[in-house]
Amino acid sequence: MYLSFKEVIDFQNTRISVGVYSYNGAPKKLQVTRENQIDGSWSFTKLGRMSKEEAQGVVPNYDQGH
């Protein structure tokens, strides 16, 4: 596995990880995961839908990057 990028965005009781990975020389792929904090420990869960705040944190405004 080759990791070319990973960022974790923290919200109140949840965090979303965005990463770009490549396995066995294959093309790079985007991976987005969510973890919820339950009783002080983090647990993976289905990403499902994101709030507007979460989406803005994960997908930066295109104009800011150019």
N, C-alpha and C. Protein backbone atom coordinates (compact mmCIF):
# COMPACT_ATOMS: atom_id res chain seq x y z
N MET A 1 0.84 -1.17 0.00
CA MET A 1 0.00 0.00 0.00
C MET A 1 0.88 1.24 0.00
N TYR A 2 0.51 2.19 -0.81
CA TYR A 2 1.22 3.45 -0.88
C TYR A 2 0.24 4.57 -0.53
N LEU A 3 0.55 5.33 0.49
CA LEU A 3 -0.27 6.45 0.92
C LEU A 3 0.36 7.72 0.39
N SER A 4 -0.39 8.47 -0.42
CA SER A 4 0.18 9.71 -0.95
C SER A 4 -0.39 10.94 -0.25
N PHE A 5 -1.50 10.79 0.48
CA PHE A 5 -2.10 11.92 1.17
C PHE A 5 -3.09 11.41 2.19
N LYS A 6 -3.14 12.03 3.36
CA LYS A 6 -4.17 11.73 4.35
C LYS A 6 -4.39 12.95 5.22
N GLU A 7 -5.65 13.27 5.45
CA GLU A 7 -6.01 14.38 6.32
C GLU A 7 -7.19 13.94 7.17
N VAL A 8 -7.17 14.29 8.45
CA VAL A 8 -8.26 13.98 9.37
C VAL A 8 -8.88 15.30 9.80
N ILE A 9 -10.19 15.42 9.60
CA ILE A 9 -10.91 16.63 9.98
C ILE A 9 -11.77 16.29 11.19
N ASP A 10 -11.54 16.99 12.30
CA ASP A 10 -12.26 16.73 13.55
C ASP A 10 -13.47 17.63 13.68
N PHE A 11 -14.59 17.04 14.10
CA PHE A 11 -15.79 17.76 14.44
C PHE A 11 -16.10 17.39 15.90
N GLN A 12 -17.27 17.71 16.41
CA GLN A 12 -17.53 17.51 17.85
C GLN A 12 -17.30 16.07 18.29
N ASN A 13 -18.14 15.16 17.91
CA ASN A 13 -18.01 13.76 18.33
C ASN A 13 -17.77 12.83 17.15
N THR A 14 -17.31 13.40 16.06
CA THR A 14 -17.04 12.61 14.87
C THR A 14 -15.82 13.17 14.17
N ARG A 15 -15.15 12.34 13.40
CA ARG A 15 -14.04 12.82 12.57
C ARG A 15 -14.10 12.08 11.24
N ILE A 16 -13.71 12.80 10.21
CA ILE A 16 -13.74 12.26 8.86
C ILE A 16 -12.32 12.26 8.33
N SER A 17 -11.88 11.11 7.82
CA SER A 17 -10.54 10.97 7.25
C SER A 17 -10.65 10.89 5.74
N VAL A 18 -9.78 11.63 5.07
CA VAL A 18 -9.71 11.62 3.62
C VAL A 18 -8.30 11.20 3.25
N GLY A 19 -8.18 10.17 2.43
CA GLY A 19 -6.86 9.70 2.04
C GLY A 19 -6.83 9.29 0.58
N VAL A 20 -5.65 9.33 0.01
CA VAL A 20 -5.43 8.86 -1.35
C VAL A 20 -4.44 7.71 -1.24
N TYR A 21 -4.86 6.55 -1.71
CA TYR A 21 -4.07 5.33 -1.58
C TYR A 21 -3.90 4.65 -2.93
N SER A 22 -2.81 3.89 -3.04
CA SER A 22 -2.57 3.06 -4.21
C SER A 22 -2.07 1.71 -3.72
N TYR A 23 -2.63 0.63 -4.24
CA TYR A 23 -2.24 -0.72 -3.85
C TYR A 23 -1.61 -1.44 -5.04
N ASN A 24 -0.46 -2.04 -4.82
CA ASN A 24 0.21 -2.87 -5.83
C ASN A 24 0.40 -2.15 -7.16
N GLY A 25 0.76 -0.88 -7.12
CA GLY A 25 1.02 -0.12 -8.34
C GLY A 25 -0.22 0.28 -9.13
N ALA A 26 -1.39 0.04 -8.58
CA ALA A 26 -2.64 0.41 -9.25
C ALA A 26 -2.85 1.92 -9.19
N PRO A 27 -3.78 2.46 -9.97
CA PRO A 27 -4.07 3.90 -9.91
C PRO A 27 -4.49 4.32 -8.50
N LYS A 28 -4.21 5.56 -8.15
CA LYS A 28 -4.58 6.10 -6.84
C LYS A 28 -6.09 6.21 -6.73
N LYS A 29 -6.60 5.94 -5.51
CA LYS A 29 -8.03 6.03 -5.24
C LYS A 29 -8.27 6.82 -3.96
N LEU A 30 -9.38 7.54 -3.95
CA LEU A 30 -9.79 8.34 -2.80
C LEU A 30 -10.55 7.47 -1.81
N GLN A 31 -10.20 7.59 -0.52
CA GLN A 31 -10.92 6.88 0.54
C GLN A 31 -11.40 7.89 1.56
N VAL A 32 -12.69 7.84 1.89
CA VAL A 32 -13.28 8.75 2.88
C VAL A 32 -13.94 7.88 3.95
N THR A 33 -13.57 8.07 5.21
CA THR A 33 -14.14 7.28 6.30
C THR A 33 -14.60 8.19 7.44
N ARG A 34 -15.54 7.69 8.23
CA ARG A 34 -16.03 8.42 9.40
C ARG A 34 -15.79 7.56 10.64
N GLU A 35 -15.39 8.24 11.73
CA GLU A 35 -15.30 7.59 13.04
C GLU A 35 -16.12 8.42 14.02
N ASN A 36 -16.89 7.74 14.86
CA ASN A 36 -17.64 8.42 15.91
C ASN A 36 -17.01 8.11 17.26
N GLN A 37 -17.04 9.10 18.15
CA GLN A 37 -16.49 8.91 19.49
C GLN A 37 -17.62 8.47 20.42
N ILE A 38 -17.45 7.28 20.99
CA ILE A 38 -18.45 6.72 21.90
C ILE A 38 -17.74 6.34 23.19
N ASP A 39 -18.14 6.94 24.28
CA ASP A 39 -17.54 6.69 25.60
C ASP A 39 -16.02 6.86 25.57
N GLY A 40 -15.55 7.88 24.86
CA GLY A 40 -14.13 8.21 24.86
C GLY A 40 -13.27 7.46 23.86
N SER A 41 -13.83 6.47 23.15
CA SER A 41 -13.02 5.75 22.17
C SER A 41 -13.64 5.91 20.78
N TRP A 42 -12.79 5.86 19.75
CA TRP A 42 -13.22 6.06 18.38
C TRP A 42 -13.62 4.74 17.75
N SER A 43 -14.73 4.77 16.98
CA SER A 43 -15.25 3.58 16.32
C SER A 43 -15.63 3.92 14.88
N PHE A 44 -15.17 3.08 13.92
CA PHE A 44 -15.52 3.29 12.53
C PHE A 44 -17.01 3.07 12.32
N THR A 45 -17.59 3.86 11.43
CA THR A 45 -19.00 3.74 11.10
C THR A 45 -19.20 4.08 9.64
N LYS A 46 -20.36 3.80 9.13
CA LYS A 46 -20.69 4.12 7.75
C LYS A 46 -20.62 5.64 7.57
N LEU A 47 -20.00 6.08 6.48
CA LEU A 47 -19.88 7.53 6.24
C LEU A 47 -21.25 8.14 6.04
N GLY A 48 -22.08 7.56 5.20
CA GLY A 48 -23.43 8.08 4.97
C GLY A 48 -23.39 9.50 4.46
N ARG A 49 -24.35 10.28 4.85
CA ARG A 49 -24.43 11.68 4.42
C ARG A 49 -23.59 12.56 5.33
N MET A 50 -23.16 13.69 4.78
CA MET A 50 -22.39 14.66 5.56
C MET A 50 -23.19 15.95 5.69
N SER A 51 -23.02 16.62 6.82
CA SER A 51 -23.62 17.94 6.99
C SER A 51 -22.87 18.93 6.10
N LYS A 52 -23.43 20.10 5.90
CA LYS A 52 -22.78 21.13 5.10
C LYS A 52 -21.42 21.47 5.70
N GLU A 53 -21.35 21.59 7.02
CA GLU A 53 -20.09 21.91 7.69
C GLU A 53 -19.03 20.84 7.43
N GLU A 54 -19.45 19.57 7.51
CA GLU A 54 -18.51 18.47 7.27
C GLU A 54 -18.03 18.48 5.82
N ALA A 55 -18.95 18.66 4.89
CA ALA A 55 -18.57 18.68 3.47
C ALA A 55 -17.61 19.82 3.18
N GLN A 56 -17.84 20.98 3.76
CA GLN A 56 -16.94 22.12 3.55
C GLN A 56 -15.57 21.85 4.14
N GLY A 57 -15.49 21.11 5.23
CA GLY A 57 -14.21 20.77 5.83
C GLY A 57 -13.44 19.74 5.03
N VAL A 58 -14.17 18.83 4.38
CA VAL A 58 -13.56 17.76 3.61
C VAL A 58 -13.20 18.21 2.20
N VAL A 59 -14.09 18.94 1.56
CA VAL A 59 -13.87 19.38 0.18
C VAL A 59 -13.68 20.89 0.19
N PRO A 60 -12.42 21.33 0.21
CA PRO A 60 -12.18 22.78 0.26
C PRO A 60 -12.73 23.49 -0.98
N ASN A 61 -13.01 24.73 -0.82
CA ASN A 61 -13.49 25.56 -1.92
C ASN A 61 -12.48 25.53 -3.06
N TYR A 62 -12.91 25.21 -4.26
CA TYR A 62 -12.02 25.06 -5.41
C TYR A 62 -11.21 26.34 -5.65
N ASP A 63 -11.84 27.49 -5.52
CA ASP A 63 -11.15 28.75 -5.80
C ASP A 63 -10.00 29.02 -4.83
N GLN A 64 -10.08 28.51 -3.61
CA GLN A 64 -9.00 28.74 -2.64
C GLN A 64 -7.73 28.05 -3.03
N GLY A 65 -7.84 26.93 -3.74
CA GLY A 65 -6.66 26.18 -4.12
C GLY A 65 -6.02 26.64 -5.42
N HIS A 66 -6.63 27.60 -6.11
CA HIS A 66 -6.09 28.03 -7.40
C HIS A 66 -5.87 29.51 -7.46
